[in-house]
Amino acid sequence: MPLGVTIIGIGGRLGSTIAREVIQDDRFKLVGGIVRSDSDHVDKDLGELAGTPWINRMSVVRLEDGLQGADIVIDASTPQSTVAVVRRLTENGGPALISGVTGFSDEQFDALRQAAETIPVLTARNFSIGISLVEMLVSTAAAALPAELWDAEISETHHRYKADAPSGTALVLGEAVANARHQMLDLVAEKSRSSADARRLPGAIGFSSRRGGAIVGDHEVGFLSNNEEITISHRALDRRVFAVGALTAANWLHGRSPGLYGMRDVINGN
């Protein structure tokens, strides 16, 4: 039987891309699509929103109206929406949730941790399988390169409509560096250098962001010493890469015990 998928935020860039991949993959069935009450996409055929032939299933506003037949909920909305959704899923006893939302506050992420005590929850600031591998490579490099000798710089470029900066993925890579160095990212991150004295602090992890055009997502982590440089980079060429990763995660998460998971768990096959 195909895995039933409901997508929250199906009218957005990521949500519609995932919906298209679900419709075109025989392993899955798109059973629901949730949109905001003020959206132009209310009561639209899900195939239309996905850019495929119609599937005679309409978008809805209420989560409960889109859950019939769902084995997995994939969330591509906003932090505020995610918190409301995860609480309702917890009350309903499921189904499992995969969240690709970025920009959570500590309090909002705590709501996901609490929900993970009752249902399986997988959070990913980037669904790309390649980025998950890059995160692992960055951790290995950072652990091997002393912070006092090797400066760490992270740069990212996205399309003009990207809201958050640094990107969620850049912060994931920064956390990989910081954790490998036994640091707290919040204490060593340098996200702005627009001052008269912008010299690096010892052990700092620098971030830089560019926005423009239709760039899907470029990320680069550089380790720089006095004598050499190491660069680990990733470029997303098509937004479909995120949808493929989300469905890989959905297959992996289905049937799991309650808990809080990430893409690294998917890659490792734990």
Protein backbone atom coordinates (compact mmCIF):
# COMPACT_ATOMS: atom_id res chain seq x y z
CA MET A 1 0.00 0.00 0.00
CA PRO A 2 1.30 3.50 -0.80
CA LEU A 3 2.25 5.66 2.17
CA GLY A 4 -0.40 8.34 2.73
CA VAL A 5 1.07 11.86 2.93
CA THR A 6 -0.52 15.10 4.05
CA ILE A 7 1.41 18.31 3.35
CA ILE A 8 1.07 21.46 5.42
CA GLY A 9 1.90 24.58 3.44
CA ILE A 10 1.25 22.88 0.12
CA GLY A 11 0.83 26.23 -1.63
CA GLY A 12 4.41 27.32 -0.93
CA ARG A 13 7.60 26.65 -2.87
CA LEU A 14 8.75 23.68 -0.82
CA GLY A 15 5.27 22.30 -0.16
CA SER A 16 4.24 22.27 -3.82
CA THR A 17 7.56 20.68 -4.85
CA ILE A 18 7.11 17.89 -2.29
CA ALA A 19 3.50 17.43 -3.44
CA ARG A 20 4.60 16.98 -7.04
CA GLU A 21 7.16 14.36 -6.00
CA VAL A 22 4.55 12.51 -3.93
CA ILE A 23 2.09 12.42 -6.82
CA GLN A 24 4.73 11.12 -9.23
CA ASP A 25 6.08 8.42 -6.90
CA ASP A 26 4.04 5.21 -6.71
CA ARG A 27 5.33 4.52 -3.19
CA PHE A 28 3.25 7.43 -1.89
CA LYS A 29 -0.25 8.85 -2.11
CA LEU A 30 -1.11 12.50 -1.53
CA VAL A 31 -4.14 12.37 0.75
CA GLY A 32 -4.27 15.92 2.07
CA GLY A 33 -3.00 19.45 1.64
CA ILE A 34 -3.33 22.20 4.24
CA VAL A 35 -3.25 25.95 3.47
CA ARG A 36 -3.82 29.13 5.47
CA SER A 37 -7.35 30.48 5.72
CA ASP A 38 -6.27 33.70 3.96
CA SER A 39 -4.47 31.85 1.15
CA ASP A 40 -5.43 32.10 -2.51
CA HIS A 41 -4.97 28.32 -2.62
CA VAL A 42 -8.00 27.42 -0.45
CA ASP A 43 -10.23 24.75 -2.01
CA LYS A 44 -7.88 24.15 -4.96
CA ASP A 45 -7.13 20.73 -6.41
CA LEU A 46 -3.88 19.41 -4.95
CA GLY A 47 -2.67 18.40 -8.38
CA GLU A 48 -3.14 21.96 -9.59
CA LEU A 49 -1.08 23.27 -6.67
CA ALA A 50 1.61 20.68 -7.39
CA GLY A 51 1.74 21.49 -11.10
CA THR A 52 0.50 18.05 -12.13
CA PRO A 53 -2.81 16.77 -13.55
CA TRP A 54 -5.67 17.15 -11.07
CA ILE A 55 -6.17 14.36 -8.53
CA ASN A 56 -9.71 15.29 -7.42
CA ARG A 57 -8.64 16.09 -3.87
CA MET A 58 -8.97 19.65 -2.60
CA SER A 59 -6.87 21.75 -0.25
CA VAL A 60 -8.36 22.48 3.18
CA VAL A 61 -7.70 24.81 6.08
CA ARG A 62 -8.47 22.57 9.06
CA LEU A 63 -5.76 20.01 9.77
CA GLU A 64 -8.29 17.38 10.79
CA ASP A 65 -10.00 17.63 7.39
CA GLY A 66 -6.78 16.66 5.64
CA LEU A 67 -5.64 13.73 7.77
CA GLN A 68 -7.88 10.93 6.52
CA GLY A 69 -5.62 8.18 5.22
CA ALA A 70 -2.42 9.96 6.30
CA ASP A 71 0.52 7.94 7.59
CA ILE A 72 2.91 10.91 7.57
CA VAL A 73 2.45 14.68 7.83
CA ILE A 74 5.13 16.77 6.10
CA ASP A 75 5.25 20.34 7.35
CA ALA A 76 6.53 23.12 5.07
CA SER A 77 4.83 26.05 6.77
CA THR A 78 6.03 28.40 9.53
CA PRO A 79 7.24 27.96 13.13
CA GLN A 80 3.97 29.31 14.52
CA SER A 81 1.93 26.92 12.40
CA THR A 82 4.17 23.99 13.27
CA VAL A 83 3.67 24.48 17.00
CA ALA A 84 -0.12 24.47 16.59
CA VAL A 85 0.00 21.44 14.30
CA VAL A 86 2.28 19.36 16.49
CA ARG A 87 0.05 19.90 19.52
CA ARG A 88 -3.02 18.74 17.59
CA LEU A 89 -1.20 15.71 16.25
CA THR A 90 -0.14 14.85 19.79
CA GLU A 91 -3.72 15.10 20.99
CA ASN A 92 -4.84 12.90 18.10
CA GLY A 93 -2.09 10.35 18.72
CA GLY A 94 -0.49 10.91 15.31
CA PRO A 95 0.34 10.51 12.56
CA ALA A 96 4.11 11.05 12.52
CA LEU A 97 5.43 14.50 11.64
CA ILE A 98 8.30 15.58 9.41
CA SER A 99 9.11 19.28 9.70
CA GLY A 100 11.24 21.18 7.21
CA VAL A 101 10.55 24.51 8.90
CA THR A 102 13.39 26.84 9.94
CA GLY A 103 13.61 29.74 12.37
CA PHE A 104 12.23 28.08 15.52
CA SER A 105 12.68 29.85 18.82
CA ASP A 106 13.85 27.74 21.76
CA GLU A 107 10.32 27.72 23.14
CA GLN A 108 8.85 26.61 19.82
CA PHE A 109 11.38 23.82 19.42
CA ASP A 110 10.56 22.66 22.94
CA ALA A 111 7.02 22.00 21.68
CA LEU A 112 8.47 19.57 19.12
CA ARG A 113 10.55 17.85 21.81
CA GLN A 114 7.45 17.40 23.94
CA ALA A 115 5.47 16.03 21.01
CA ALA A 116 8.27 13.55 20.28
CA GLU A 117 7.46 11.86 23.57
CA THR A 118 4.14 10.80 22.04
CA ILE A 119 4.65 10.60 18.25
CA PRO A 120 7.65 10.22 15.90
CA VAL A 121 8.94 13.68 14.94
CA LEU A 122 11.71 14.35 12.42
CA THR A 123 13.03 17.89 12.04
CA ALA A 124 15.31 19.03 9.25
CA ARG A 125 16.39 22.53 8.32
CA ASN A 126 17.38 21.06 4.96
CA PHE A 127 16.03 17.81 3.49
CA SER A 128 18.95 17.39 1.09
CA ILE A 129 20.77 14.08 1.48
CA GLY A 130 23.92 15.82 0.23
CA ILE A 131 23.75 18.47 2.95
CA SER A 132 23.44 15.75 5.59
CA LEU A 133 26.64 14.20 4.28
CA VAL A 134 28.33 17.62 4.19
CA GLU A 135 27.35 18.12 7.84
CA MET A 136 29.11 14.88 8.73
CA LEU A 137 32.23 15.88 6.77
CA VAL A 138 32.28 19.29 8.45
CA SER A 139 32.08 17.67 11.89
CA THR A 140 35.02 15.41 11.06
CA ALA A 141 37.11 18.30 9.74
CA ALA A 142 36.33 20.59 12.67
CA ALA A 143 37.26 17.90 15.19
CA ALA A 144 40.63 17.38 13.48
CA LEU A 145 41.57 21.07 12.98
CA PRO A 146 42.44 23.04 16.16
CA ALA A 147 40.31 26.17 16.50
CA GLU A 148 43.33 28.24 17.54
CA LEU A 149 45.02 27.46 14.21
CA TRP A 150 42.11 27.13 11.81
CA ASP A 151 39.47 29.83 11.31
CA ALA A 152 36.00 28.63 10.33
CA GLU A 153 33.88 30.65 7.90
CA ILE A 154 30.44 29.69 6.56
CA SER A 155 28.86 31.41 3.56
CA GLU A 156 25.48 30.84 1.95
CA THR A 157 23.58 32.21 -1.05
CA HIS A 158 19.85 31.93 -1.72
CA HIS A 159 17.12 33.38 -3.92
CA ARG A 160 15.83 36.90 -3.33
CA TYR A 161 12.74 35.70 -1.43
CA LYS A 162 14.61 33.83 1.31
CA ALA A 163 13.43 35.30 4.61
CA ASP A 164 15.92 34.17 7.25
CA ALA A 165 19.66 34.88 7.34
CA PRO A 166 21.88 33.07 8.01
CA SER A 167 19.93 30.20 6.50
CA GLY A 168 18.84 27.33 8.69
CA THR A 169 21.27 25.10 6.85
CA ALA A 170 24.17 27.47 7.49
CA LEU A 171 23.32 27.34 11.20
CA VAL A 172 23.24 23.52 11.06
CA LEU A 173 26.75 23.56 9.59
CA GLY A 174 27.83 26.09 12.21
CA GLU A 175 26.51 23.82 14.94
CA ALA A 176 28.47 20.94 13.41
CA VAL A 177 31.67 22.99 13.70
CA ALA A 178 30.89 24.25 17.20
CA ASN A 179 29.89 20.85 18.58
CA ALA A 180 33.05 19.24 17.20
CA ARG A 181 35.07 21.97 18.93
CA HIS A 182 33.10 21.65 22.18
CA GLN A 183 31.77 25.18 21.79
CA MET A 184 28.32 26.75 22.06
CA LEU A 185 27.47 28.27 18.69
CA ASP A 186 25.59 31.23 20.20
CA LEU A 187 28.75 32.27 22.03
CA VAL A 188 31.15 32.08 19.07
CA ALA A 189 29.01 32.92 16.02
CA GLU A 190 29.86 36.15 14.20
CA LYS A 191 26.84 36.96 12.04
CA SER A 192 27.58 40.64 11.41
CA ARG A 193 30.84 42.46 10.82
CA SER A 194 29.60 45.91 9.89
CA SER A 195 31.74 47.80 12.39
CA ALA A 196 34.92 49.83 12.36
CA ASP A 197 36.75 46.97 14.05
CA ALA A 198 35.62 43.69 12.48
CA ARG A 199 38.62 41.57 13.37
CA ARG A 200 37.86 37.96 14.22
CA LEU A 201 37.64 36.83 17.80
CA PRO A 202 39.68 33.73 18.71
CA GLY A 203 37.71 30.58 17.95
CA ALA A 204 34.92 32.49 16.21
CA ILE A 205 32.71 30.93 13.53
CA GLY A 206 31.90 33.51 10.88
CA PHE A 207 28.73 33.67 8.76
CA SER A 208 27.99 35.58 5.58
CA SER A 209 24.78 35.63 3.51
CA ARG A 210 23.91 36.70 -0.02
CA ARG A 211 20.43 37.04 -1.51
CA GLY A 212 19.56 37.38 -5.17
CA GLY A 213 18.04 35.90 -8.28
CA ALA A 214 16.60 32.41 -8.20
CA ILE A 215 19.47 30.53 -6.55
CA VAL A 216 18.10 27.40 -4.87
CA GLY A 217 20.84 27.18 -2.24
CA ASP A 218 24.64 27.30 -2.07
CA HIS A 219 26.58 26.58 1.12
CA GLU A 220 30.31 26.61 1.77
CA VAL A 221 32.32 25.91 4.92
CA GLY A 222 35.92 27.06 4.85
CA PHE A 223 38.69 26.19 7.28
CA LEU A 224 41.59 28.63 6.91
CA SER A 225 45.05 28.50 8.50
CA ASN A 226 48.15 30.59 7.85
CA ASN A 227 49.40 28.08 5.28
CA GLU A 228 46.42 26.35 3.68
CA GLU A 229 42.67 26.33 3.21
CA ILE A 230 40.06 23.55 3.14
CA THR A 231 36.64 24.09 1.60
CA ILE A 232 33.59 21.83 1.87
CA SER A 233 30.69 22.99 -0.27
CA HIS A 234 27.26 22.01 -1.53
CA ARG A 235 25.13 23.42 -4.32
CA ALA A 236 21.46 22.55 -4.81
CA LEU A 237 20.74 22.65 -8.54
CA ASP A 238 17.03 21.89 -8.36
CA ARG A 239 14.45 22.35 -5.60
CA ARG A 240 13.42 18.75 -6.25
CA VAL A 241 16.42 17.61 -4.16
CA PHE A 242 14.57 18.73 -1.03
CA ALA A 243 11.43 16.82 -2.00
CA VAL A 244 13.39 13.64 -2.68
CA GLY A 245 15.05 13.97 0.74
CA ALA A 246 11.71 14.58 2.45
CA LEU A 247 10.24 11.40 0.97
CA THR A 248 13.35 9.44 1.88
CA ALA A 249 12.82 10.66 5.43
CA ALA A 250 9.12 9.74 5.26
CA ASN A 251 9.90 6.16 4.27
CA TRP A 252 12.45 5.92 7.07
CA LEU A 253 10.22 7.47 9.76
CA HIS A 254 7.10 5.42 9.04
CA GLY A 255 6.61 2.83 11.76
CA ARG A 256 9.25 4.28 14.08
CA SER A 257 8.75 4.64 17.81
CA PRO A 258 8.05 8.09 19.27
CA GLY A 259 11.19 10.19 19.41
CA LEU A 260 12.95 13.24 17.96
CA TYR A 261 14.91 12.40 14.83
CA GLY A 262 16.97 14.19 12.19
CA MET A 263 18.31 13.62 8.69
CA ARG A 264 21.54 12.23 10.09
CA ASP A 265 19.49 9.35 11.53
CA VAL A 266 18.06 8.76 8.05
CA ILE A 267 21.53 8.76 6.47
CA ASN A 268 22.97 6.45 9.11
CA GLY A 269 19.96 4.14 8.89
CA ASN A 270 19.72 3.91 12.67
